[in-house]
């Protein structure tokens, strides 16, 4: 059996990991529709999505063994965070 994983964090910071059966031609949108995660957690709708750190669109295909992930928006620019740490030292 070929599988796909979906991982996301809800508004209470709880991490969810779901496993789904993969089918030929499956897209990111198919994964989201099949799990219903965006219906349960509408805050996910505005987040980027990808596989293993590579951003994808909802029309991109997924493959067996892929782990579809939501990427929440950054709270601070990584460059600014580094500059702030350097200034504190």
PDB file of N, CA and C in Angstrom:
ATOM      1  N   UNK A   1       0.839  -1.176   0.000  1.00  0.00           N
ATOM      2  CA  UNK A   1       0.000   0.000   0.000  1.00  0.00           C
ATOM      3  C   UNK A   1       0.891   1.248   0.000  1.00  0.00           C
ATOM      4  N   UNK A   2       0.542   2.228  -0.820  1.00  0.00           N
ATOM      5  CA  UNK A   2       1.312   3.472  -0.921  1.00  0.00           C
ATOM      6  C   UNK A   2       0.621   4.543  -0.084  1.00  0.00           C
ATOM      7  N   UNK A   3       1.423   5.262   0.724  1.00  0.00           N
ATOM      8  CA  UNK A   3       0.858   6.207   1.675  1.00  0.00           C
ATOM      9  C   UNK A   3       1.421   7.617   1.518  1.00  0.00           C
ATOM     10  N   UNK A   4       0.647   8.573   1.998  1.00  0.00           N
ATOM     11  CA  UNK A   4       1.004   9.996   2.070  1.00  0.00           C
ATOM     12  C   UNK A   4       0.763  10.425   3.512  1.00  0.00           C
ATOM     13  N   UNK A   5       1.572  11.363   4.010  1.00  0.00           N
ATOM     14  CA  UNK A   5       1.333  11.925   5.342  1.00  0.00           C
ATOM     15  C   UNK A   5       0.968  13.393   5.210  1.00  0.00           C
ATOM     16  N   UNK A   6       0.142  13.870   6.138  1.00  0.00           N
ATOM     17  CA  UNK A   6      -0.181  15.288   6.255  1.00  0.00           C
ATOM     18  C   UNK A   6       0.109  15.681   7.686  1.00  0.00           C
ATOM     19  N   UNK A   7       0.868  16.763   7.867  1.00  0.00           N
ATOM     20  CA  UNK A   7       1.171  17.237   9.215  1.00  0.00           C
ATOM     21  C   UNK A   7       0.824  18.724   9.292  1.00  0.00           C
ATOM     22  N   UNK A   8       0.188  19.100  10.393  1.00  0.00           N
ATOM     23  CA  UNK A   8      -0.150  20.507  10.605  1.00  0.00           C
ATOM     24  C   UNK A   8      -0.287  20.780  12.092  1.00  0.00           C
ATOM     25  N   UNK A   9      -0.245  22.058  12.428  1.00  0.00           N
ATOM     26  CA  UNK A   9      -0.369  22.497  13.808  1.00  0.00           C
ATOM     27  C   UNK A   9      -1.628  23.340  13.925  1.00  0.00           C
ATOM     28  N   UNK A  10      -2.477  23.015  14.910  1.00  0.00           N
ATOM     29  CA  UNK A  10      -3.710  23.783  15.076  1.00  0.00           C
ATOM     30  C   UNK A  10      -3.453  25.050  15.885  1.00  0.00           C
ATOM     31  N   UNK A  11      -4.489  25.839  16.108  1.00  0.00           N
ATOM     32  CA  UNK A  11      -4.335  27.123  16.800  1.00  0.00           C
ATOM     33  C   UNK A  11      -3.916  26.966  18.254  1.00  0.00           C
ATOM     34  N   UNK A  12      -4.093  25.783  18.838  1.00  0.00           N
ATOM     35  CA  UNK A  12      -3.643  25.525  20.207  1.00  0.00           C
ATOM     36  C   UNK A  12      -2.221  24.935  20.227  1.00  0.00           C
ATOM     37  N   UNK A  13      -1.547  24.966  19.078  1.00  0.00           N
ATOM     38  CA  UNK A  13      -0.170  24.478  18.919  1.00  0.00           C
ATOM     39  C   UNK A  13      -0.046  22.957  19.040  1.00  0.00           C
ATOM     40  N   UNK A  14      -1.154  22.245  18.877  1.00  0.00           N
ATOM     41  CA  UNK A  14      -1.115  20.790  18.874  1.00  0.00           C
ATOM     42  C   UNK A  14      -0.789  20.321  17.451  1.00  0.00           C
ATOM     43  N   UNK A  15       0.154  19.408  17.337  1.00  0.00           N
ATOM     44  CA  UNK A  15       0.573  18.900  16.031  1.00  0.00           C
ATOM     45  C   UNK A  15      -0.253  17.663  15.686  1.00  0.00           C
ATOM     46  N   UNK A  16      -0.765  17.633  14.453  1.00  0.00           N
ATOM     47  CA  UNK A  16      -1.565  16.520  13.952  1.00  0.00           C
ATOM     48  C   UNK A  16      -0.801  15.848  12.814  1.00  0.00           C
ATOM     49  N   UNK A  17      -0.761  14.542  12.830  1.00  0.00           N
ATOM     50  CA  UNK A  17      -0.131  13.766  11.769  1.00  0.00           C
ATOM     51  C   UNK A  17      -1.153  12.743  11.280  1.00  0.00           C
ATOM     52  N   UNK A  18      -1.526  12.863  10.009  1.00  0.00           N
ATOM     53  CA  UNK A  18      -2.511  11.955   9.413  1.00  0.00           C
ATOM     54  C   UNK A  18      -1.845  11.173   8.288  1.00  0.00           C
ATOM     55  N   UNK A  19      -2.243   9.936   8.124  1.00  0.00           N
ATOM     56  CA  UNK A  19      -1.739   9.084   7.050  1.00  0.00           C
ATOM     57  C   UNK A  19      -2.891   8.726   6.129  1.00  0.00           C
ATOM     58  N   UNK A  20      -2.658   8.860   4.830  1.00  0.00           N
ATOM     59  CA  UNK A  20      -3.687   8.610   3.823  1.00  0.00           C
ATOM     60  C   UNK A  20      -3.188   7.627   2.774  1.00  0.00           C
ATOM     61  N   UNK A  21      -4.107   6.928   2.140  1.00  0.00           N
ATOM     62  CA  UNK A  21      -3.764   6.097   0.987  1.00  0.00           C
ATOM     63  C   UNK A  21      -3.536   7.010  -0.213  1.00  0.00           C
ATOM     64  N   UNK A  22      -2.456   6.779  -0.931  1.00  0.00           N
ATOM     65  CA  UNK A  22      -2.134   7.550  -2.122  1.00  0.00           C
ATOM     66  C   UNK A  22      -2.817   6.934  -3.332  1.00  0.00           C
ATOM     67  N   UNK A  23      -3.216   7.786  -4.297  1.00  0.00           N
ATOM     68  CA  UNK A  23      -3.725   7.281  -5.579  1.00  0.00           C
ATOM     69  C   UNK A  23      -3.063   8.050  -6.718  1.00  0.00           C
ATOM     70  N   UNK A  24      -2.999   7.433  -7.859  1.00  0.00           N
ATOM     71  CA  UNK A  24      -2.359   8.020  -9.044  1.00  0.00           C
ATOM     72  C   UNK A  24      -2.984   9.372  -9.371  1.00  0.00           C
ATOM     73  N   UNK A  25      -2.132  10.389  -9.554  1.00  0.00           N
ATOM     74  CA  UNK A  25      -2.608  11.723  -9.913  1.00  0.00           C
ATOM     75  C   UNK A  25      -3.045  12.566  -8.726  1.00  0.00           C
ATOM     76  N   UNK A  26      -2.817  12.086  -7.517  1.00  0.00           N
ATOM     77  CA  UNK A  26      -3.240  12.802  -6.305  1.00  0.00           C
ATOM     78  C   UNK A  26      -2.528  14.154  -6.211  1.00  0.00           C
ATOM     79  N   UNK A  27      -3.295  15.205  -5.866  1.00  0.00           N
ATOM     80  CA  UNK A  27      -2.740  16.545  -5.714  1.00  0.00           C
ATOM     81  C   UNK A  27      -2.789  16.966  -4.247  1.00  0.00           C
ATOM     82  N   UNK A  28      -2.126  18.081  -3.959  1.00  0.00           N
ATOM     83  CA  UNK A  28      -2.172  18.638  -2.605  1.00  0.00           C
ATOM     84  C   UNK A  28      -3.625  18.909  -2.221  1.00  0.00           C
ATOM     85  N   UNK A  29      -4.408  19.452  -3.145  1.00  0.00           N
ATOM     86  CA  UNK A  29      -5.819  19.739  -2.850  1.00  0.00           C
ATOM     87  C   UNK A  29      -6.588  18.466  -2.521  1.00  0.00           C
ATOM     88  N   UNK A  30      -6.289  17.375  -3.195  1.00  0.00           N
ATOM     89  CA  UNK A  30      -6.936  16.093  -2.883  1.00  0.00           C
ATOM     90  C   UNK A  30      -6.630  15.675  -1.447  1.00  0.00           C
ATOM     91  N   UNK A  31      -5.390  15.870  -1.011  1.00  0.00           N
ATOM     92  CA  UNK A  31      -4.993  15.527   0.360  1.00  0.00           C
ATOM     93  C   UNK A  31      -5.806  16.365   1.348  1.00  0.00           C
ATOM     94  N   UNK A  32      -5.888  17.671   1.086  1.00  0.00           N
ATOM     95  CA  UNK A  32      -6.613  18.567   1.988  1.00  0.00           C
ATOM     96  C   UNK A  32      -8.099  18.234   2.019  1.00  0.00           C
ATOM     97  N   UNK A  33      -8.668  17.942   0.853  1.00  0.00           N
ATOM     98  CA  UNK A  33     -10.092  17.598   0.787  1.00  0.00           C
ATOM     99  C   UNK A  33     -10.386  16.290   1.516  1.00  0.00           C
ATOM    100  N   UNK A  34      -9.516  15.306   1.321  1.00  0.00           N
ATOM    101  CA  UNK A  34      -9.730  13.985   1.908  1.00  0.00           C
ATOM    102  C   UNK A  34      -9.640  14.016   3.436  1.00  0.00           C
ATOM    103  N   UNK A  35      -8.770  14.876   3.975  1.00  0.00           N
ATOM    104  CA  UNK A  35      -8.611  14.934   5.430  1.00  0.00           C
ATOM    105  C   UNK A  35      -9.613  15.873   6.093  1.00  0.00           C
ATOM    106  N   UNK A  36     -10.068  16.889   5.365  1.00  0.00           N
ATOM    107  CA  UNK A  36     -10.989  17.862   5.950  1.00  0.00           C
ATOM    108  C   UNK A  36     -10.340  18.777   6.973  1.00  0.00           C
ATOM    109  N   UNK A  37      -9.011  18.840   6.988  1.00  0.00           N
ATOM    110  CA  UNK A  37      -8.308  19.631   8.005  1.00  0.00           C
ATOM    111  C   UNK A  37      -8.633  21.117   7.905  1.00  0.00           C
ATOM    112  N   UNK A  38      -8.832  21.637   6.708  1.00  0.00           N
ATOM    113  CA  UNK A  38      -9.121  23.066   6.556  1.00  0.00           C
ATOM    114  C   UNK A  38     -10.542  23.409   6.997  1.00  0.00           C
ATOM    115  N   UNK A  39     -11.423  22.423   6.985  1.00  0.00           N
ATOM    116  CA  UNK A  39     -12.774  22.656   7.512  1.00  0.00           C
ATOM    117  C   UNK A  39     -12.740  22.722   9.032  1.00  0.00           C
ATOM    118  N   UNK A  40     -11.947  21.857   9.643  1.00  0.00           N
ATOM    119  CA  UNK A  40     -11.832  21.831  11.098  1.00  0.00           C
ATOM    120  C   UNK A  40     -11.002  22.997  11.629  1.00  0.00           C
ATOM    121  N   UNK A  41      -9.998  23.408  10.866  1.00  0.00           N
ATOM    122  CA  UNK A  41      -9.083  24.471  11.286  1.00  0.00           C
ATOM    123  C   UNK A  41      -8.941  25.488  10.152  1.00  0.00           C
ATOM    124  N   UNK A  42      -9.899  26.405  10.018  1.00  0.00           N
ATOM    125  CA  UNK A  42      -9.870  27.358   8.897  1.00  0.00           C
ATOM    126  C   UNK A  42      -8.639  28.258   8.873  1.00  0.00           C
ATOM    127  N   UNK A  43      -7.944  28.390  10.005  1.00  0.00           N
ATOM    128  CA  UNK A  43      -6.727  29.211  10.025  1.00  0.00           C
ATOM    129  C   UNK A  43      -5.640  28.637   9.114  1.00  0.00           C
ATOM    130  N   UNK A  44      -5.764  27.379   8.718  1.00  0.00           N
ATOM    131  CA  UNK A  44      -4.787  26.761   7.820  1.00  0.00           C
ATOM    132  C   UNK A  44      -4.912  27.281   6.390  1.00  0.00           C
ATOM    133  N   UNK A  45      -6.072  27.816   6.036  1.00  0.00           N
ATOM    134  CA  UNK A  45      -6.330  28.232   4.656  1.00  0.00           C
ATOM    135  C   UNK A  45      -5.338  29.262   4.137  1.00  0.00           C
ATOM    136  N   UNK A  46      -4.861  30.163   4.978  1.00  0.00           N
ATOM    137  CA  UNK A  46      -3.938  31.196   4.526  1.00  0.00           C
ATOM    138  C   UNK A  46      -2.481  30.794   4.566  1.00  0.00           C
ATOM    139  N   UNK A  47      -2.187  29.587   5.009  1.00  0.00           N
ATOM    140  CA  UNK A  47      -0.798  29.166   5.154  1.00  0.00           C
ATOM    141  C   UNK A  47      -0.272  28.516   3.882  1.00  0.00           C
ATOM    142  N   UNK A  48       1.037  28.672   3.675  1.00  0.00           N
ATOM    143  CA  UNK A  48       1.687  27.983   2.565  1.00  0.00           C
ATOM    144  C   UNK A  48       1.712  26.490   2.864  1.00  0.00           C
ATOM    145  N   UNK A  49       1.813  25.695   1.810  1.00  0.00           N
ATOM    146  CA  UNK A  49       1.850  24.247   1.944  1.00  0.00           C
ATOM    147  C   UNK A  49       2.971  23.715   1.060  1.00  0.00           C
ATOM    148  N   UNK A  50       3.555  22.594   1.466  1.00  0.00           N
ATOM    149  CA  UNK A  50       4.631  22.031   0.674  1.00  0.00           C
ATOM    150  C   UNK A  50       4.951  20.614   1.098  1.00  0.00           C
ATOM    151  N   UNK A  51       6.006  20.094   0.509  1.00  0.00           N
ATOM    152  CA  UNK A  51       6.481  18.749   0.820  1.00  0.00           C
ATOM    153  C   UNK A  51       7.972  18.848   1.142  1.00  0.00           C
ATOM    154  N   UNK A  52       8.336  18.425   2.331  1.00  0.00           N
ATOM    155  CA  UNK A  52       9.733  18.428   2.777  1.00  0.00           C
ATOM    156  C   UNK A  52      10.426  19.775   2.535  1.00  0.00           C
ATOM    157  N   UNK A  53       9.755  20.864   2.893  1.00  0.00           N
ATOM    158  CA  UNK A  53      10.355  22.189   2.807  1.00  0.00           C
ATOM    159  C   UNK A  53      10.251  22.867   1.457  1.00  0.00           C
ATOM    160  N   UNK A  54       9.715  22.200   0.465  1.00  0.00           N
ATOM    161  CA  UNK A  54       9.549  22.784  -0.868  1.00  0.00           C
ATOM    162  C   UNK A  54       8.098  23.232  -1.033  1.00  0.00           C
ATOM    163  N   UNK A  55       7.883  24.553  -1.188  1.00  0.00           N
ATOM    164  CA  UNK A  55       6.515  25.050  -1.330  1.00  0.00           C
ATOM    165  C   UNK A  55       5.874  24.525  -2.612  1.00  0.00           C
ATOM    166  N   UNK A  56       4.592  24.195  -2.495  1.00  0.00           N
ATOM    167  CA  UNK A  56       3.805  23.712  -3.619  1.00  0.00           C
ATOM    168  C   UNK A  56       2.505  24.492  -3.714  1.00  0.00           C
ATOM    169  N   UNK A  57       1.858  24.404  -4.870  1.00  0.00           N
ATOM    170  CA  UNK A  57       0.498  24.929  -5.003  1.00  0.00           C
ATOM    171  C   UNK A  57      -0.466  23.782  -4.725  1.00  0.00           C
ATOM    172  N   UNK A  58      -1.720  24.105  -4.577  1.00  0.00           N
ATOM    173  CA  UNK A  58      -2.717  23.072  -4.298  1.00  0.00           C
ATOM    174  C   UNK A  58      -2.948  22.166  -5.504  1.00  0.00           C
ATOM    175  N   UNK A  59      -2.505  22.585  -6.693  1.00  0.00           N
ATOM    176  CA  UNK A  59      -2.679  21.769  -7.896  1.00  0.00           C
ATOM    177  C   UNK A  59      -1.495  20.846  -8.159  1.00  0.00           C
ATOM    178  N   UNK A  60      -0.401  21.005  -7.420  1.00  0.00           N
ATOM    179  CA  UNK A  60       0.765  20.151  -7.625  1.00  0.00           C
ATOM    180  C   UNK A  60       0.484  18.720  -7.177  1.00  0.00           C
ATOM    181  N   UNK A  61       1.082  17.779  -7.897  1.00  0.00           N
ATOM    182  CA  UNK A  61       0.902  16.358  -7.566  1.00  0.00           C
ATOM    183  C   UNK A  61       1.787  15.960  -6.393  1.00  0.00           C
ATOM    184  N   UNK A  62       1.314  14.981  -5.642  1.00  0.00           N
ATOM    185  CA  UNK A  62       2.096  14.390  -4.562  1.00  0.00           C
ATOM    186  C   UNK A  62       2.346  12.930  -4.913  1.00  0.00           C
ATOM    187  N   UNK A  63       3.358  12.361  -4.275  1.00  0.00           N
ATOM    188  CA  UNK A  63       3.785  11.013  -4.620  1.00  0.00           C
ATOM    189  C   UNK A  63       3.893  10.153  -3.368  1.00  0.00           C
ATOM    190  N   UNK A  64       3.885   8.834  -3.525  1.00  0.00           N
ATOM    191  CA  UNK A  64       3.961   7.959  -2.356  1.00  0.00           C
ATOM    192  C   UNK A  64       5.156   8.307  -1.474  1.00  0.00           C
ATOM    193  N   UNK A  65       4.929   8.345  -0.191  1.00  0.00           N
ATOM    194  CA  UNK A  65       5.984   8.661   0.753  1.00  0.00           C
ATOM    195  C   UNK A  65       6.138  10.138   1.059  1.00  0.00           C
ATOM    196  N   UNK A  66       5.450  11.011   0.308  1.00  0.00           N
ATOM    197  CA  UNK A  66       5.527  12.451   0.562  1.00  0.00           C
ATOM    198  C   UNK A  66       4.874  12.788   1.902  1.00  0.00           C
ATOM    199  N   UNK A  67       5.387  13.861   2.496  1.00  0.00           N
ATOM    200  CA  UNK A  67       4.816  14.381   3.743  1.00  0.00           C
ATOM    201  C   UNK A  67       4.391  15.817   3.462  1.00  0.00           C
ATOM    202  N   UNK A  68       3.099  16.020   3.302  1.00  0.00           N
ATOM    203  CA  UNK A  68       2.550  17.344   3.029  1.00  0.00           C
ATOM    204  C   UNK A  68       2.517  18.115   4.349  1.00  0.00           C
ATOM    205  N   UNK A  69       3.044  19.348   4.320  1.00  0.00           N
ATOM    206  CA  UNK A  69       3.167  20.146   5.536  1.00  0.00           C
ATOM    207  C   UNK A  69       2.596  21.541   5.309  1.00  0.00           C
ATOM    208  N   UNK A  70       2.025  22.118   6.360  1.00  0.00           N
ATOM    209  CA  UNK A  70       1.624  23.523   6.340  1.00  0.00           C
ATOM    210  C   UNK A  70       2.762  24.335   6.928  1.00  0.00           C
ATOM    211  N   UNK A  71       3.000  25.513   6.357  1.00  0.00           N
ATOM    212  CA  UNK A  71       4.043  26.403   6.839  1.00  0.00           C
ATOM    213  C   UNK A  71       3.396  27.680   7.358  1.00  0.00           C
ATOM    214  N   UNK A  72       3.308  27.823   8.691  1.00  0.00           N
ATOM    215  CA  UNK A  72       2.701  29.036   9.238  1.00  0.00           C
ATOM    216  C   UNK A  72       3.553  30.257   8.916  1.00  0.00           C
ATOM    217  N   UNK A  73       2.938  31.432   8.882  1.00  0.00           N
ATOM    218  CA  UNK A  73       3.719  32.638   8.580  1.00  0.00           C
ATOM    219  C   UNK A  73       4.759  32.901   9.671  1.00  0.00           C
ATOM    220  N   UNK A  74       5.879  33.466   9.267  1.00  0.00           N
ATOM    221  CA  UNK A  74       6.929  33.806  10.221  1.00  0.00           C
ATOM    222  C   UNK A  74       6.492  35.002  11.059  1.00  0.00           C
ATOM    223  N   UNK A  75       6.783  34.963  12.344  1.00  0.00           N
ATOM    224  CA  UNK A  75       6.430  36.062  13.229  1.00  0.00           C
ATOM    225  C   UNK A  75       7.444  37.197  13.131  1.00  0.00           C
ATOM    226  N   UNK A  76       8.677  36.862  12.766  1.00  0.00           N
ATOM    227  CA  UNK A  76       9.743  37.851  12.609  1.00  0.00           C
ATOM    228  C   UNK A  76      10.640  37.399  11.469  1.00  0.00           C
ATOM    229  N   UNK A  77      11.147  38.368  10.727  1.00  0.00           N
ATOM    230  CA  UNK A  77      12.064  38.083   9.634  1.00  0.00           C
ATOM    231  C   UNK A  77      13.331  37.432  10.206  1.00  0.00           C
ATOM    232  N   UNK A  78      13.758  36.279   9.682  1.00  0.00           N
ATOM    233  CA  UNK A  78      14.936  35.598  10.213  1.00  0.00           C
ATOM    234  C   UNK A  78      16.193  36.483  10.247  1.00  0.00           C
ATOM    235  N   UNK A  79      16.357  37.355   9.258  1.00  0.00           N
ATOM    236  CA  UNK A  79      17.516  38.249   9.249  1.00  0.00           C
ATOM    237  C   UNK A  79      17.446  39.231  10.415  1.00  0.00           C
ATOM    238  N   UNK A  80      16.249  39.747  10.682  1.00  0.00           N
ATOM    239  CA  UNK A  80      16.078  40.678  11.803  1.00  0.00           C
ATOM    240  C   UNK A  80      16.311  39.977  13.137  1.00  0.00           C
ATOM    241  N   UNK A  81      15.864  38.737  13.256  1.00  0.00           N
ATOM    242  CA  UNK A  81      16.075  37.978  14.493  1.00  0.00           C
ATOM    243  C   UNK A  81      17.567  37.791  14.745  1.00  0.00           C
ATOM    244  N   UNK A  82      18.313  37.484  13.694  1.00  0.00           N
ATOM    245  CA  UNK A  82      19.765  37.300  13.836  1.00  0.00           C
ATOM    246  C   UNK A  82      20.430  38.614  14.222  1.00  0.00           C
ATOM    247  N   UNK A  83      20.044  39.705  13.557  1.00  0.00           N
ATOM    248  CA  UNK A  83      20.627  41.010  13.896  1.00  0.00           C
ATOM    249  C   UNK A  83      20.362  41.362  15.357  1.00  0.00           C
ATOM    250  N   UNK A  84      19.170  41.063  15.821  1.00  0.00           N
ATOM    251  CA  UNK A  84      18.800  41.349  17.206  1.00  0.00           C
ATOM    252  C   UNK A  84      19.666  40.541  18.168  1.00  0.00           C
ATOM    253  N   UNK A  85      19.914  39.267  17.849  1.00  0.00           N
ATOM    254  CA  UNK A  85      20.760  38.430  18.712  1.00  0.00           C
ATOM    255  C   UNK A  85      22.188  38.953  18.747  1.00  0.00           C
ATOM    256  N   UNK A  86      22.691  39.390  17.604  1.00  0.00           N
ATOM    257  CA  UNK A  86      24.064  39.906  17.525  1.00  0.00           C
ATOM    258  C   UNK A  86      24.186  41.180  18.343  1.00  0.00           C
ATOM    259  N   UNK A  87      23.196  42.057  18.275  1.00  0.00           N
ATOM    260  CA  UNK A  87      23.229  43.320  19.025  1.00  0.00           C
ATOM    261  C   UNK A  87      23.239  43.066  20.544  1.00  0.00           C
ATOM    262  N   UNK A  88      22.556  42.010  20.987  1.00  0.00           N
ATOM    263  CA  UNK A  88      22.483  41.704  22.410  1.00  0.00           C
ATOM    264  C   UNK A  88      23.814  41.209  22.964  1.00  0.00           C
ATOM    265  N   UNK A  89      24.676  40.671  22.114  1.00  0.00           N
ATOM    266  CA  UNK A  89      25.956  40.101  22.581  1.00  0.00           C
ATOM    267  C   UNK A  89      27.007  41.148  22.813  1.00  0.00           C
TER     268      UNK A  89
END
